[in-house]
Every structure is written in C-alpha cells, then in structure tokens.
Amino acid sequence: MNKRMNFEDNIFILNIRIRMIQDLLILDTDGDIFFAKTLDDLDFIDQSLGILLASLRENIRLIERDEQFHNLAEAERQFCELLMELSHGEGNISGAQYPELHEKATVLRNRSLERRRSIEESIVETKNAALEPVVGYDELHELLSG
C-alpha cells in the first residue's frame, strides 16, 4: 500500500460503525431485516482493523505511530465489547436469537484479541526503539560545531 493512510480518520470511522451496531442492539429493531447486514458489517470491521494494524506495523516512520497503536487498541477493545454483547445478549440480534451469530462472534473476538496482543507487542517495540539515540553524541557534537 503505497498511498498515505490517515490512520486517525479510519479508526474514527470504524469506531462510529461499532457504535452504530451497539445502537442497533439497544433499539427494538427487527432482526430479520438487520441480521445479514450486521454480519457483513462485522466482517468489514474485522478486516479493516486487520488492514490498519498491518499498515501501521509497516509504517515505522509515522510520527504519531504509538498514539495510533493506542487508538487502534481502543477500537479493538470496543469491537470485542460489541462482540460479547452480540454473543451473549438477549436482544433481537443476538446469539440467543441467531446461534450462528454466537459462533461468528467467537471467531471474530479471537482474531481481535490476537490483534490486541500484536498491538501491545508493537507498542513495546516502539518504546524500545525510542530509547536508542537517533544521532550519537559524537555526530551531534560534529553537527552543532560545524
């Protein structure tokens, strides 16, 4: 992916989509109308979070990389929370009403947890890399005295 990716905006939109599904669960919606679309949305969010993580891991020169890892981790947390609500909830769109939703939510939740572990590892790697000086003392002295 050679084009510039706006991680913050993409994560923001995914968070809105997650909240939209959470709102769907709160309201008295017809499961027969919204069930298939909800499954599609869950797949889309899952795939998008995976794409963002892969792109963020590759983009080691991004200035606010650590902040975006934190934003992505928060989106993953919200996604896991949504999946738990879907799986164990009692609403019109829930694992109780649609057993296949329970199975799908479990698979997606496991993927999300794996991505969260990967994000945590990446944050640690970023912090360790930040401890290493970019310019050595001798190089800095040479640059400033010249």
N, C-alpha and C. Protein backbone atom coordinates (compact mmCIF):
# COMPACT_ATOMS: atom_id res chain seq x y z
N MET A 1 0.85 -1.16 0.00
CA MET A 1 0.00 0.00 0.00
C MET A 1 0.90 1.23 0.00
N ASN A 2 1.07 1.86 -1.14
CA ASN A 2 1.99 2.96 -1.29
C ASN A 2 1.39 4.32 -0.95
N LYS A 3 0.09 4.44 -0.96
CA LYS A 3 -0.51 5.73 -0.68
C LYS A 3 -0.49 6.03 0.82
N ARG A 4 -0.61 7.31 1.12
CA ARG A 4 -0.62 7.75 2.52
C ARG A 4 -1.96 7.37 3.14
N MET A 5 -1.92 6.77 4.31
CA MET A 5 -3.13 6.34 5.00
C MET A 5 -3.35 7.24 6.21
N ASN A 6 -4.55 7.76 6.35
CA ASN A 6 -4.90 8.56 7.52
C ASN A 6 -5.46 7.62 8.57
N PHE A 7 -4.59 7.15 9.45
CA PHE A 7 -4.98 6.16 10.46
C PHE A 7 -6.05 6.71 11.39
N GLU A 8 -5.86 7.94 11.84
CA GLU A 8 -6.77 8.51 12.81
C GLU A 8 -8.20 8.58 12.26
N ASP A 9 -8.36 9.05 11.04
CA ASP A 9 -9.70 9.14 10.44
C ASP A 9 -10.31 7.76 10.21
N ASN A 10 -9.51 6.83 9.75
CA ASN A 10 -10.02 5.47 9.50
C ASN A 10 -10.47 4.81 10.80
N ILE A 11 -9.69 4.96 11.85
CA ILE A 11 -10.05 4.39 13.15
C ILE A 11 -11.31 5.06 13.68
N PHE A 12 -11.40 6.37 13.49
CA PHE A 12 -12.58 7.11 13.93
C PHE A 12 -13.85 6.57 13.26
N ILE A 13 -13.80 6.36 11.96
CA ILE A 13 -14.97 5.85 11.22
C ILE A 13 -15.31 4.44 11.67
N LEU A 14 -14.33 3.60 11.90
CA LEU A 14 -14.61 2.25 12.40
C LEU A 14 -15.28 2.30 13.78
N ASN A 15 -14.83 3.23 14.62
CA ASN A 15 -15.47 3.39 15.93
C ASN A 15 -16.93 3.80 15.79
N ILE A 16 -17.21 4.66 14.83
CA ILE A 16 -18.60 5.05 14.58
C ILE A 16 -19.43 3.85 14.13
N ARG A 17 -18.86 3.02 13.26
CA ARG A 17 -19.58 1.84 12.79
C ARG A 17 -19.85 0.86 13.94
N ILE A 18 -18.88 0.74 14.84
CA ILE A 18 -19.07 -0.12 16.01
C ILE A 18 -20.20 0.42 16.88
N ARG A 19 -20.18 1.74 17.14
CA ARG A 19 -21.25 2.35 17.94
C ARG A 19 -22.61 2.22 17.26
N MET A 20 -22.62 2.29 15.93
CA MET A 20 -23.88 2.15 15.20
C MET A 20 -24.49 0.76 15.46
N ILE A 21 -23.66 -0.27 15.47
CA ILE A 21 -24.17 -1.61 15.74
C ILE A 21 -24.60 -1.71 17.21
N GLN A 22 -23.86 -1.08 18.11
CA GLN A 22 -24.26 -1.08 19.51
C GLN A 22 -25.63 -0.40 19.68
N ASP A 23 -25.86 0.68 18.94
CA ASP A 23 -27.17 1.35 18.98
C ASP A 23 -28.26 0.44 18.44
N LEU A 24 -27.92 -0.33 17.42
CA LEU A 24 -28.87 -1.27 16.84
C LEU A 24 -29.33 -2.28 17.89
N LEU A 25 -28.44 -2.65 18.78
CA LEU A 25 -28.77 -3.62 19.83
C LEU A 25 -29.66 -3.01 20.92
N ILE A 26 -29.50 -1.71 21.15
CA ILE A 26 -30.28 -1.04 22.17
C ILE A 26 -31.72 -0.83 21.71
N LEU A 27 -31.88 -0.49 20.43
CA LEU A 27 -33.20 -0.21 19.89
C LEU A 27 -33.96 -1.50 19.62
N ASP A 28 -35.25 -1.38 19.46
CA ASP A 28 -36.11 -2.53 19.18
C ASP A 28 -36.19 -2.75 17.67
N THR A 29 -35.08 -3.21 17.09
CA THR A 29 -35.01 -3.40 15.64
C THR A 29 -35.43 -4.81 15.26
N ASP A 30 -35.84 -4.95 14.04
CA ASP A 30 -36.27 -6.25 13.51
C ASP A 30 -35.02 -7.02 13.06
N GLY A 31 -34.75 -8.12 13.74
CA GLY A 31 -33.58 -8.94 13.43
C GLY A 31 -33.58 -9.48 12.02
N ASP A 32 -34.77 -9.80 11.49
CA ASP A 32 -34.84 -10.34 10.13
C ASP A 32 -34.38 -9.32 9.09
N ILE A 33 -34.58 -8.05 9.38
CA ILE A 33 -34.16 -7.00 8.44
C ILE A 33 -32.66 -6.73 8.56
N PHE A 34 -32.15 -6.67 9.78
CA PHE A 34 -30.79 -6.18 10.01
C PHE A 34 -29.74 -7.26 10.24
N PHE A 35 -30.14 -8.51 10.39
CA PHE A 35 -29.18 -9.55 10.74
C PHE A 35 -28.07 -9.72 9.69
N ALA A 36 -28.43 -9.90 8.43
CA ALA A 36 -27.43 -10.14 7.38
C ALA A 36 -26.49 -8.94 7.24
N LYS A 37 -27.03 -7.74 7.30
CA LYS A 37 -26.20 -6.54 7.19
C LYS A 37 -25.26 -6.43 8.38
N THR A 38 -25.74 -6.79 9.55
CA THR A 38 -24.90 -6.75 10.74
C THR A 38 -23.72 -7.71 10.59
N LEU A 39 -23.97 -8.90 10.07
CA LEU A 39 -22.87 -9.86 9.83
C LEU A 39 -21.86 -9.27 8.85
N ASP A 40 -22.35 -8.65 7.77
CA ASP A 40 -21.46 -8.02 6.80
C ASP A 40 -20.63 -6.91 7.46
N ASP A 41 -21.29 -6.10 8.28
CA ASP A 41 -20.58 -5.02 8.97
C ASP A 41 -19.50 -5.56 9.91
N LEU A 42 -19.80 -6.64 10.60
CA LEU A 42 -18.81 -7.24 11.50
C LEU A 42 -17.59 -7.73 10.72
N ASP A 43 -17.84 -8.37 9.58
CA ASP A 43 -16.72 -8.81 8.73
C ASP A 43 -15.91 -7.62 8.23
N PHE A 44 -16.62 -6.57 7.81
CA PHE A 44 -15.93 -5.36 7.31
C PHE A 44 -15.05 -4.75 8.41
N ILE A 45 -15.60 -4.61 9.61
CA ILE A 45 -14.84 -4.02 10.71
C ILE A 45 -13.63 -4.90 11.04
N ASP A 46 -13.83 -6.21 11.09
CA ASP A 46 -12.75 -7.14 11.38
C ASP A 46 -11.62 -7.02 10.34
N GLN A 47 -11.99 -7.04 9.08
CA GLN A 47 -10.99 -6.93 8.01
C GLN A 47 -10.29 -5.58 8.04
N SER A 48 -11.04 -4.52 8.26
CA SER A 48 -10.45 -3.18 8.28
C SER A 48 -9.48 -3.01 9.43
N LEU A 49 -9.82 -3.52 10.60
CA LEU A 49 -8.91 -3.44 11.73
C LEU A 49 -7.62 -4.20 11.44
N GLY A 50 -7.73 -5.34 10.77
CA GLY A 50 -6.55 -6.10 10.38
C GLY A 50 -5.68 -5.35 9.39
N ILE A 51 -6.31 -4.70 8.42
CA ILE A 51 -5.57 -3.91 7.42
C ILE A 51 -4.86 -2.75 8.09
N LEU A 52 -5.56 -2.06 8.98
CA LEU A 52 -4.95 -0.92 9.68
C LEU A 52 -3.76 -1.36 10.53
N LEU A 53 -3.90 -2.46 11.22
CA LEU A 53 -2.79 -2.95 12.04
C LEU A 53 -1.58 -3.29 11.17
N ALA A 54 -1.80 -4.01 10.08
CA ALA A 54 -0.69 -4.37 9.20
C ALA A 54 -0.02 -3.12 8.63
N SER A 55 -0.81 -2.15 8.22
CA SER A 55 -0.24 -0.92 7.65
C SER A 55 0.51 -0.12 8.70
N LEU A 56 -0.03 -0.07 9.89
CA LEU A 56 0.62 0.68 10.96
C LEU A 56 1.93 0.02 11.38
N ARG A 57 1.94 -1.30 11.41
CA ARG A 57 3.18 -2.01 11.76
C ARG A 57 4.26 -1.77 10.71
N GLU A 58 3.86 -1.68 9.43
CA GLU A 58 4.82 -1.46 8.35
C GLU A 58 5.34 -0.03 8.33
N ASN A 59 4.54 0.91 8.80
CA ASN A 59 4.86 2.33 8.71
C ASN A 59 5.68 2.77 9.93
N ILE A 60 6.94 2.38 9.96
CA ILE A 60 7.78 2.63 11.14
C ILE A 60 8.20 4.09 11.27
N ARG A 61 8.01 4.89 10.24
CA ARG A 61 8.42 6.30 10.28
C ARG A 61 7.27 7.25 10.60
N LEU A 62 6.11 6.72 10.86
CA LEU A 62 4.97 7.56 11.20
C LEU A 62 5.23 8.27 12.51
N ILE A 63 5.06 9.58 12.52
CA ILE A 63 5.41 10.38 13.69
C ILE A 63 4.57 10.01 14.90
N GLU A 64 3.27 9.89 14.74
CA GLU A 64 2.39 9.58 15.86
C GLU A 64 2.00 8.10 15.88
N ARG A 65 2.94 7.26 15.55
CA ARG A 65 2.67 5.82 15.44
C ARG A 65 2.17 5.22 16.75
N ASP A 66 2.84 5.54 17.83
CA ASP A 66 2.46 4.99 19.13
C ASP A 66 1.04 5.41 19.50
N GLU A 67 0.69 6.66 19.26
CA GLU A 67 -0.66 7.15 19.53
C GLU A 67 -1.69 6.39 18.70
N GLN A 68 -1.36 6.10 17.44
CA GLN A 68 -2.29 5.37 16.59
C GLN A 68 -2.42 3.91 17.03
N PHE A 69 -1.34 3.34 17.54
CA PHE A 69 -1.46 1.99 18.13
C PHE A 69 -2.44 2.01 19.29
N HIS A 70 -2.36 3.04 20.12
CA HIS A 70 -3.29 3.15 21.25
C HIS A 70 -4.72 3.33 20.76
N ASN A 71 -4.91 4.17 19.73
CA ASN A 71 -6.25 4.37 19.16
C ASN A 71 -6.80 3.06 18.60
N LEU A 72 -5.93 2.33 17.92
CA LEU A 72 -6.34 1.06 17.33
C LEU A 72 -6.68 0.04 18.43
N ALA A 73 -5.89 0.03 19.49
CA ALA A 73 -6.17 -0.88 20.62
C ALA A 73 -7.52 -0.55 21.25
N GLU A 74 -7.85 0.72 21.35
CA GLU A 74 -9.15 1.12 21.90
C GLU A 74 -10.28 0.68 20.97
N ALA A 75 -10.09 0.82 19.66
CA ALA A 75 -11.10 0.35 18.71
C ALA A 75 -11.29 -1.16 18.83
N GLU A 76 -10.20 -1.89 19.00
CA GLU A 76 -10.28 -3.34 19.18
C GLU A 76 -11.02 -3.68 20.48
N ARG A 77 -10.78 -2.91 21.53
CA ARG A 77 -11.48 -3.14 22.79
C ARG A 77 -12.98 -2.95 22.61
N GLN A 78 -13.36 -1.89 21.93
CA GLN A 78 -14.78 -1.64 21.68
C GLN A 78 -15.39 -2.71 20.80
N PHE A 79 -14.63 -3.19 19.82
CA PHE A 79 -15.11 -4.25 18.94
C PHE A 79 -15.34 -5.53 19.74
N CYS A 80 -14.41 -5.87 20.63
CA CYS A 80 -14.57 -7.06 21.49
C CYS A 80 -15.80 -6.92 22.38
N GLU A 81 -15.99 -5.74 22.92
CA GLU A 81 -17.16 -5.49 23.76
C GLU A 81 -18.45 -5.70 22.96
N LEU A 82 -18.49 -5.18 21.76
CA LEU A 82 -19.64 -5.37 20.88
C LEU A 82 -19.88 -6.85 20.60
N LEU A 83 -18.81 -7.57 20.30
CA LEU A 83 -18.94 -9.00 20.00
C LEU A 83 -19.47 -9.77 21.20
N MET A 84 -19.05 -9.38 22.40
CA MET A 84 -19.57 -10.02 23.62
C MET A 84 -21.07 -9.72 23.77
N GLU A 85 -21.46 -8.48 23.50
CA GLU A 85 -22.88 -8.11 23.59
C GLU A 85 -23.70 -8.93 22.59
N LEU A 86 -23.17 -9.06 21.38
CA LEU A 86 -23.89 -9.82 20.35
C LEU A 86 -23.99 -11.29 20.73
N SER A 87 -22.91 -11.82 21.22
CA SER A 87 -22.85 -13.24 21.53
C SER A 87 -23.72 -13.63 22.72
N HIS A 88 -23.69 -12.80 23.75
CA HIS A 88 -24.35 -13.17 25.00
C HIS A 88 -25.61 -12.36 25.30
N GLY A 89 -25.93 -11.40 24.43
CA GLY A 89 -27.11 -10.57 24.66
C GLY A 89 -28.41 -11.33 24.42
N GLU A 90 -29.50 -10.67 24.76
CA GLU A 90 -30.83 -11.27 24.63
C GLU A 90 -31.70 -10.51 23.65
N GLY A 91 -31.15 -9.54 22.93
CA GLY A 91 -31.95 -8.70 22.04
C GLY A 91 -32.38 -9.41 20.76
N ASN A 92 -32.98 -8.61 19.86
CA ASN A 92 -33.46 -9.15 18.59
C ASN A 92 -32.33 -9.64 17.68
N ILE A 93 -31.17 -9.04 17.83
CA ILE A 93 -29.99 -9.51 17.09
C ILE A 93 -28.99 -9.96 18.14
N SER A 94 -28.97 -11.24 18.41
CA SER A 94 -28.11 -11.78 19.47
C SER A 94 -27.83 -13.25 19.20
N GLY A 95 -26.88 -13.76 19.94
CA GLY A 95 -26.57 -15.18 19.86
C GLY A 95 -27.74 -16.04 20.32
N ALA A 96 -28.57 -15.49 21.19
CA ALA A 96 -29.75 -16.23 21.65
C ALA A 96 -30.76 -16.41 20.52
N GLN A 97 -30.90 -15.39 19.69
CA GLN A 97 -31.85 -15.45 18.57
C GLN A 97 -31.26 -16.14 17.34
N TYR A 98 -29.95 -15.94 17.14
CA TYR A 98 -29.26 -16.48 15.96
C TYR A 98 -28.00 -17.22 16.43
N PRO A 99 -28.08 -18.53 16.60
CA PRO A 99 -26.91 -19.27 17.09
C PRO A 99 -25.65 -19.09 16.22
N GLU A 100 -25.82 -18.90 14.92
CA GLU A 100 -24.64 -18.70 14.06
C GLU A 100 -23.92 -17.40 14.40
N LEU A 101 -24.65 -16.44 14.96
CA LEU A 101 -24.03 -15.19 15.38
C LEU A 101 -23.09 -15.43 16.56
N HIS A 102 -23.48 -16.29 17.45
CA HIS A 102 -22.62 -16.63 18.59
C HIS A 102 -21.30 -17.22 18.09
N GLU A 103 -21.37 -18.15 17.13
CA GLU A 103 -20.16 -18.77 16.59
C GLU A 103 -19.28 -17.74 15.87
N LYS A 104 -19.90 -16.90 15.05
CA LYS A 104 -19.14 -15.89 14.31
C LYS A 104 -18.50 -14.89 15.27
N ALA A 105 -19.25 -14.46 16.28
CA ALA A 105 -18.71 -13.50 17.24
C ALA A 105 -17.52 -14.09 17.99
N THR A 106 -17.55 -15.37 18.29
CA THR A 106 -16.44 -16.02 18.97
C THR A 106 -15.18 -16.02 18.09
N VAL A 107 -15.34 -16.34 16.83
CA VAL A 107 -14.21 -16.34 15.89
C VAL A 107 -13.63 -14.93 15.75
N LEU A 108 -14.50 -13.95 15.55
CA LEU A 108 -14.04 -12.57 15.38
C LEU A 108 -13.40 -12.04 16.67
N ARG A 109 -13.94 -12.42 17.80
CA ARG A 109 -13.37 -11.98 19.08
C ARG A 109 -11.97 -12.55 19.26
N ASN A 110 -11.75 -13.79 18.89
CA ASN A 110 -10.41 -14.39 18.99
C ASN A 110 -9.42 -13.66 18.08
N ARG A 111 -9.86 -13.29 16.88
CA ARG A 111 -8.99 -12.52 15.97
C ARG A 111 -8.67 -11.16 16.58
N SER A 112 -9.68 -10.53 17.14
CA SER A 112 -9.48 -9.22 17.73
C SER A 112 -8.51 -9.29 18.91
N LEU A 113 -8.65 -10.30 19.74
CA LEU A 113 -7.73 -10.46 20.87
C LEU A 113 -6.30 -10.69 20.39
N GLU A 114 -6.15 -11.45 19.32
CA GLU A 114 -4.82 -11.67 18.74
C GLU A 114 -4.23 -10.35 18.22
N ARG A 115 -5.05 -9.55 17.57
CA ARG A 115 -4.57 -8.25 17.09
C ARG A 115 -4.19 -7.35 18.26
N ARG A 116 -4.96 -7.41 19.34
CA ARG A 116 -4.62 -6.59 20.51
C ARG A 116 -3.28 -7.00 21.09
N ARG A 117 -3.00 -8.29 21.12
CA ARG A 117 -1.67 -8.75 21.60
C ARG A 117 -0.58 -8.23 20.67
N SER A 118 -0.85 -8.27 19.39
CA SER A 118 0.12 -7.77 18.42
C SER A 118 0.35 -6.26 18.59
N ILE A 119 -0.71 -5.53 18.87
CA ILE A 119 -0.59 -4.09 19.10
C ILE A 119 0.27 -3.84 20.33
N GLU A 120 0.02 -4.57 21.40
CA GLU A 120 0.81 -4.41 22.63
C GLU A 120 2.28 -4.69 22.38
N GLU A 121 2.57 -5.73 21.60
CA GLU A 121 3.96 -6.04 21.25
C GLU A 121 4.57 -4.91 20.44
N SER A 122 3.81 -4.36 19.51
CA SER A 122 4.31 -3.27 18.67
C SER A 122 4.58 -2.02 19.48
N ILE A 123 3.74 -1.75 20.48
CA ILE A 123 3.96 -0.58 21.34
C ILE A 123 5.25 -0.75 22.12
N VAL A 124 5.50 -1.95 22.62
CA VAL A 124 6.74 -2.23 23.36
C VAL A 124 7.94 -2.07 22.43
N GLU A 125 7.84 -2.58 21.21
CA GLU A 125 8.93 -2.44 20.24
C GLU A 125 9.20 -0.97 19.93
N THR A 126 8.13 -0.18 19.80
CA THR A 126 8.27 1.24 19.51
C THR A 126 8.96 1.95 20.67
N LYS A 127 8.57 1.60 21.89
CA LYS A 127 9.19 2.23 23.06
C LYS A 127 10.66 1.85 23.15
N ASN A 128 11.00 0.60 22.87
CA ASN A 128 12.40 0.17 22.91
C ASN A 128 13.21 0.87 21.83
N ALA A 129 12.64 1.05 20.66
CA ALA A 129 13.34 1.75 19.58
C ALA A 129 13.55 3.22 19.93
N ALA A 130 12.60 3.80 20.65
CA ALA A 130 12.70 5.21 21.02
C ALA A 130 13.83 5.43 22.03
N LEU A 131 14.21 4.40 22.77
CA LEU A 131 15.28 4.54 23.76
C LEU A 131 16.65 4.63 23.10
N GLU A 132 16.76 4.12 21.88
CA GLU A 132 18.02 4.18 21.17
C GLU A 132 18.19 5.57 20.57
N PRO A 133 19.35 6.20 20.75
CA PRO A 133 19.53 7.53 20.19
C PRO A 133 19.55 7.47 18.66
N VAL A 134 18.90 8.44 18.05
CA VAL A 134 18.86 8.51 16.59
C VAL A 134 20.20 9.03 16.08
N VAL A 135 20.75 10.01 16.80
CA VAL A 135 22.05 10.58 16.45
C VAL A 135 22.94 10.40 17.66
N GLY A 136 24.11 9.83 17.44
CA GLY A 136 25.05 9.63 18.52
C GLY A 136 25.62 10.94 19.03
N TYR A 137 26.23 10.91 20.22
CA TYR A 137 26.79 12.10 20.83
C TYR A 137 27.84 12.74 19.92
N ASP A 138 28.75 11.94 19.38
CA ASP A 138 29.80 12.47 18.52
C ASP A 138 29.21 13.11 17.27
N GLU A 139 28.22 12.45 16.70
CA GLU A 139 27.58 13.01 15.49
C GLU A 139 26.88 14.33 15.80
N LEU A 140 26.20 14.37 16.94
CA LEU A 140 25.50 15.61 17.33
C LEU A 140 26.50 16.73 17.55
N HIS A 141 27.60 16.41 18.25
CA HIS A 141 28.62 17.43 18.51
C HIS A 141 29.20 17.95 17.19
N GLU A 142 29.47 17.06 16.25
CA GLU A 142 30.00 17.42 14.95
C GLU A 142 29.02 18.32 14.19
N LEU A 143 27.76 17.97 14.25
CA LEU A 143 26.73 18.75 13.55
C LEU A 143 26.59 20.16 14.15
N LEU A 144 26.63 20.25 15.46
CA LEU A 144 26.44 21.55 16.11
C LEU A 144 27.66 22.43 16.05
N SER A 145 28.84 21.85 15.97
CA SER A 145 30.06 22.68 15.95
C SER A 145 30.43 23.11 14.53
N GLY A 146 29.83 22.53 13.54
CA GLY A 146 30.21 22.82 12.16
C GLY A 146 29.50 23.91 11.54
